[in-house]
Amino acid sequence: MNWRSFGRVLGWIEPISVLSARLLLAGLLVAGLWGPARVRAQDGSAAPSTQRKTSTPYTGDLSIFDSPGRDERLQINRVMNMLGIQPGKNVADIGAGSGWFTVRAARRVTDSGTVYAVDINPEAIQYIDHRAKKEGLHNIKTILSKPDDPQLSADSIDAALLLKTYHEIAHPVVLLRNLRSSLKPGARVGIIDRNGNGENHGVSKDVVVREAGQAGYELRDSQDFVKADGMDYFLIFTKKGN
């Protein structure tokens, strides 16, 4: 409610004493009916971010992510090397979709590590559970998350990757802040996306760097080798102070 609306409220009960007006204003503030809206990180019900536009999350055929040659186009082994993904590590695949990256990371970390496949789409979670069973991978744990909270345990993750997902996140700063608590000291967070305006399945690299900074991260590396199309980029962040 803005000042004009508040004035209307006062008009309804005119005449009103100054003391009564102050009491009414205090009540509205406490009730959350006036003043800046609070972003609720836990229930995903807050209004969309005003920082930028976002793309509608994909809910179609998940098998399209497993197109032949995608490993080479995205140079995924090089990506995993740079994120420090190796045997024994715990990895979060945020916006896991079909589990394309999940299963590759699971093979890399071996049974001594764990990969958490995080997605807000129940169909994606079922798809990955079936895929892990079919491929005999027992080190994959699926998490049906909330839009702005990956719901990972504290101090549990060595590396995380958001692969072509960031442009779909309505509250990126909130999500990254919630992710911070789950990261171990020195953990790396990778973001692969493509330059765009937010609603065309891409988001500017500069926007990502700025939002990550607001969430308490610092940029450690910036690469453009992914797909080598002049549009895609690969950013690596760590928590500030690491």
Protein backbone atom coordinates (compact mmCIF):
# COMPACT_ATOMS: atom_id res chain seq x y z
CA MET A 1 0.00 0.00 0.00
CA ASN A 2 1.43 3.44 -0.96
CA TRP A 3 0.92 6.82 0.67
CA ARG A 4 -2.02 7.64 -1.63
CA SER A 5 -3.77 4.39 -0.70
CA PHE A 6 -3.04 5.01 2.94
CA GLY A 7 -4.61 8.43 2.59
CA ARG A 8 -7.76 6.78 1.30
CA VAL A 9 -7.81 4.56 4.38
CA LEU A 10 -7.63 7.64 6.58
CA GLY A 11 -10.44 9.22 4.52
CA TRP A 12 -12.72 6.30 5.30
CA ILE A 13 -12.62 7.05 9.03
CA GLU A 14 -12.45 10.85 8.87
CA PRO A 15 -12.27 12.70 11.12
CA ILE A 16 -9.44 10.85 12.85
CA SER A 17 -7.04 12.01 15.51
CA VAL A 18 -3.30 12.18 14.89
CA LEU A 19 -2.76 9.59 17.61
CA SER A 20 -5.28 7.22 16.02
CA ALA A 21 -3.62 7.66 12.63
CA ARG A 22 -0.27 6.73 14.07
CA LEU A 23 -1.74 3.68 15.74
CA LEU A 24 -3.40 2.59 12.50
CA LEU A 25 -0.18 3.03 10.54
CA ALA A 26 1.75 0.98 13.11
CA GLY A 27 -0.85 -1.77 12.84
CA LEU A 28 -0.57 -1.88 9.07
CA LEU A 29 3.20 -2.10 9.22
CA VAL A 30 3.07 -4.97 11.67
CA ALA A 31 0.49 -6.78 9.56
CA GLY A 32 2.58 -6.32 6.43
CA LEU A 33 -0.21 -4.44 4.62
CA TRP A 34 1.91 -1.37 4.06
CA GLY A 35 5.62 -0.95 3.37
CA PRO A 36 8.06 -2.95 1.19
CA ALA A 37 7.13 -6.54 0.37
CA ARG A 38 9.24 -9.23 1.95
CA VAL A 39 10.73 -11.96 -0.23
CA ARG A 40 9.80 -15.29 1.27
CA ALA A 41 12.64 -17.63 0.40
CA GLN A 42 11.01 -20.77 1.70
CA ASP A 43 7.62 -21.00 0.00
CA GLY A 44 8.37 -19.66 -3.48
CA SER A 45 5.23 -17.54 -3.38
CA ALA A 46 6.82 -14.10 -3.50
CA ALA A 47 6.18 -11.81 -6.44
CA PRO A 48 8.48 -12.25 -9.47
CA SER A 49 11.84 -10.51 -9.32
CA THR A 50 11.84 -6.91 -10.52
CA GLN A 51 15.50 -7.11 -11.50
CA ARG A 52 14.87 -8.68 -14.88
CA LYS A 53 12.51 -10.80 -16.92
CA THR A 54 12.70 -14.58 -16.82
CA SER A 55 11.83 -17.42 -19.17
CA THR A 56 9.03 -19.88 -18.51
CA PRO A 57 10.51 -23.10 -17.05
CA TYR A 58 10.58 -25.93 -19.58
CA THR A 59 8.02 -28.69 -19.00
CA GLY A 60 8.09 -30.53 -22.32
CA ASP A 61 9.74 -33.72 -23.54
CA LEU A 62 12.79 -34.25 -21.34
CA SER A 63 14.52 -36.56 -23.80
CA ILE A 64 15.48 -33.62 -26.02
CA PHE A 65 18.33 -32.80 -23.62
CA ASP A 66 20.06 -36.05 -24.54
CA SER A 67 20.75 -35.14 -28.15
CA PRO A 68 23.76 -36.86 -29.75
CA GLY A 69 26.99 -34.91 -29.49
CA ARG A 70 25.94 -32.72 -26.57
CA ASP A 71 28.92 -33.86 -24.48
CA GLU A 72 31.29 -32.52 -27.10
CA ARG A 73 29.35 -29.33 -27.77
CA LEU A 74 29.26 -28.39 -24.09
CA GLN A 75 32.72 -29.85 -23.36
CA ILE A 76 31.21 -31.26 -20.19
CA ASN A 77 34.32 -33.13 -19.06
CA ARG A 78 36.30 -29.89 -19.17
CA VAL A 79 33.50 -28.22 -17.22
CA MET A 80 33.65 -30.91 -14.53
CA ASN A 81 37.42 -30.61 -14.32
CA MET A 82 37.18 -26.87 -13.70
CA LEU A 83 34.53 -27.39 -11.01
CA GLY A 84 36.75 -29.92 -9.23
CA ILE A 85 34.29 -32.77 -9.71
CA GLN A 86 36.16 -35.98 -8.93
CA PRO A 87 35.72 -39.22 -6.97
CA GLY A 88 34.33 -38.68 -3.49
CA LYS A 89 32.82 -35.26 -4.14
CA ASN A 90 29.22 -34.22 -3.53
CA VAL A 91 27.65 -32.38 -6.47
CA ALA A 92 24.38 -30.51 -6.92
CA ASP A 93 22.73 -30.41 -10.36
CA ILE A 94 20.30 -27.52 -9.93
CA GLY A 95 17.56 -27.54 -12.54
CA ALA A 96 18.47 -31.10 -13.38
CA GLY A 97 15.75 -31.63 -16.01
CA SER A 98 16.34 -35.00 -17.66
CA GLY A 99 19.36 -35.75 -15.49
CA TRP A 100 21.74 -35.38 -18.43
CA PHE A 101 24.43 -33.79 -16.29
CA THR A 102 23.41 -35.71 -13.18
CA VAL A 103 24.38 -39.11 -14.59
CA ARG A 104 27.69 -37.82 -15.97
CA ALA A 105 28.61 -36.29 -12.64
CA ALA A 106 27.51 -39.47 -10.84
CA ARG A 107 29.92 -41.56 -12.89
CA ARG A 108 32.69 -39.06 -12.24
CA VAL A 109 32.31 -38.97 -8.43
CA THR A 110 31.89 -42.79 -8.25
CA ASP A 111 30.10 -44.52 -5.40
CA SER A 112 32.23 -42.61 -2.89
CA GLY A 113 30.44 -39.38 -3.84
CA THR A 114 26.86 -38.25 -4.27
CA VAL A 115 25.00 -36.22 -6.87
CA TYR A 116 21.87 -34.34 -5.85
CA ALA A 117 19.48 -33.86 -8.76
CA VAL A 118 17.45 -30.78 -7.85
CA ASP A 119 14.36 -29.69 -9.78
CA ILE A 120 10.99 -28.02 -9.18
CA ASN A 121 9.24 -30.26 -11.72
CA PRO A 122 7.86 -33.53 -10.22
CA GLU A 123 7.98 -35.15 -13.68
CA ALA A 124 11.70 -34.42 -13.91
CA ILE A 125 12.30 -36.00 -10.51
CA GLN A 126 10.42 -39.17 -11.55
CA TYR A 127 12.30 -39.22 -14.85
CA ILE A 128 15.69 -39.04 -13.10
CA ASP A 129 14.76 -41.66 -10.50
CA HIS A 130 13.83 -44.04 -13.32
CA ARG A 131 16.97 -43.16 -15.27
CA ALA A 132 19.28 -43.72 -12.31
CA LYS A 133 17.73 -47.12 -11.66
CA LYS A 134 17.94 -48.07 -15.34
CA GLU A 135 21.60 -47.04 -15.56
CA GLY A 136 22.54 -48.69 -12.26
CA LEU A 137 23.64 -45.48 -10.56
CA HIS A 138 23.11 -45.71 -6.81
CA ASN A 139 24.79 -42.44 -5.84
CA ILE A 140 22.03 -40.14 -7.16
CA LYS A 141 19.56 -38.50 -4.79
CA THR A 142 16.66 -36.50 -6.21
CA ILE A 143 15.25 -33.42 -4.50
CA LEU A 144 11.91 -31.84 -5.42
CA SER A 145 12.89 -28.29 -4.56
CA LYS A 146 11.13 -24.95 -4.27
CA PRO A 147 11.61 -22.25 -6.92
CA ASP A 148 13.99 -20.20 -4.80
CA ASP A 149 15.41 -22.85 -2.45
CA PRO A 150 17.29 -25.99 -3.58
CA GLN A 151 16.70 -27.48 -0.12
CA LEU A 152 20.14 -28.97 0.26
CA SER A 153 21.63 -29.84 3.63
CA ALA A 154 24.04 -27.38 5.21
CA ASP A 155 27.75 -27.75 4.44
CA SER A 156 27.17 -30.72 2.11
CA ILE A 157 28.15 -29.64 -1.42
CA ASP A 158 31.59 -29.49 -3.07
CA ALA A 159 30.37 -28.28 -6.46
CA ALA A 160 27.12 -27.15 -8.06
CA LEU A 161 26.11 -26.53 -11.65
CA LEU A 162 23.18 -24.60 -13.10
CA LEU A 163 23.15 -25.72 -16.71
CA LYS A 164 20.92 -23.57 -18.95
CA THR A 165 18.68 -23.00 -15.93
CA TYR A 166 19.58 -19.61 -14.52
CA HIS A 167 17.42 -17.64 -16.97
CA GLU A 168 14.33 -19.46 -15.64
CA ILE A 169 14.84 -18.51 -11.99
CA ALA A 170 12.43 -15.80 -10.86
CA HIS A 171 14.35 -14.96 -7.67
CA PRO A 172 18.00 -15.71 -8.50
CA VAL A 173 19.52 -13.74 -5.64
CA VAL A 174 17.31 -15.50 -3.10
CA LEU A 175 18.09 -18.93 -4.56
CA LEU A 176 21.83 -18.28 -4.54
CA ARG A 177 21.66 -17.07 -0.95
CA ASN A 178 19.84 -20.25 0.06
CA LEU A 179 22.44 -22.29 -1.81
CA ARG A 180 25.33 -20.64 0.08
CA SER A 181 24.61 -22.44 3.35
CA SER A 182 24.90 -25.83 1.66
CA LEU A 183 28.36 -25.14 0.22
CA LYS A 184 31.48 -26.48 1.85
CA PRO A 185 34.50 -24.17 2.20
CA GLY A 186 36.03 -23.71 -1.25
CA ALA A 187 33.01 -25.14 -3.08
CA ARG A 188 32.57 -23.97 -6.66
CA VAL A 189 29.31 -22.96 -8.32
CA GLY A 190 29.18 -23.11 -12.10
CA ILE A 191 26.61 -21.35 -14.27
CA ILE A 192 26.32 -22.17 -17.96
CA ASP A 193 23.89 -20.03 -19.91
CA ARG A 194 23.65 -17.86 -22.99
CA ASN A 195 23.40 -14.12 -23.42
CA GLY A 196 19.84 -12.88 -23.71
CA ASN A 197 17.24 -10.57 -22.23
CA GLY A 198 15.91 -13.01 -19.64
CA GLU A 199 12.72 -14.04 -21.41
CA ASN A 200 14.33 -15.51 -24.56
CA HIS A 201 15.99 -18.45 -22.79
CA GLY A 202 19.10 -16.48 -22.03
CA VAL A 203 20.37 -13.81 -19.66
CA SER A 204 23.29 -11.41 -19.90
CA LYS A 205 26.51 -12.59 -18.32
CA ASP A 206 26.90 -9.22 -16.60
CA VAL A 207 23.49 -9.63 -14.98
CA VAL A 208 24.48 -13.03 -13.57
CA VAL A 209 27.73 -11.65 -12.15
CA ARG A 210 25.88 -8.75 -10.53
CA GLU A 211 23.17 -10.95 -9.00
CA ALA A 212 25.70 -13.46 -7.71
CA GLY A 213 27.60 -10.61 -6.07
CA GLN A 214 24.41 -9.47 -4.35
CA ALA A 215 23.96 -13.02 -3.05
CA GLY A 216 27.44 -13.13 -1.50
CA TYR A 217 29.55 -14.72 -4.23
CA GLU A 218 32.62 -13.63 -6.13
CA LEU A 219 33.55 -14.51 -9.70
CA ARG A 220 36.55 -16.82 -9.98
CA ASP A 221 36.57 -17.60 -13.70
CA SER A 222 34.74 -16.66 -16.88
CA GLN A 223 34.95 -18.80 -20.01
CA ASP A 224 33.26 -18.82 -23.40
CA PHE A 225 34.43 -22.19 -24.68
CA VAL A 226 31.03 -23.82 -24.08
CA LYS A 227 29.57 -24.48 -27.56
CA ALA A 228 31.88 -21.77 -28.94
CA ASP A 229 28.95 -19.96 -30.55
CA GLY A 230 29.74 -16.52 -29.21
CA MET A 231 26.59 -16.60 -27.08
CA ASP A 232 27.18 -19.22 -24.39
CA TYR A 233 29.30 -18.61 -21.31
CA PHE A 234 30.56 -20.55 -18.30
CA LEU A 235 31.03 -18.72 -15.00
CA ILE A 236 32.55 -20.09 -11.80
CA PHE A 237 31.79 -18.55 -8.41
CA THR A 238 32.77 -19.18 -4.80
CA LYS A 239 31.40 -17.73 -1.60
CA LYS A 240 32.98 -14.41 -0.72
CA GLY A 241 35.83 -14.90 1.67
CA ASN A 242 36.69 -18.41 0.49
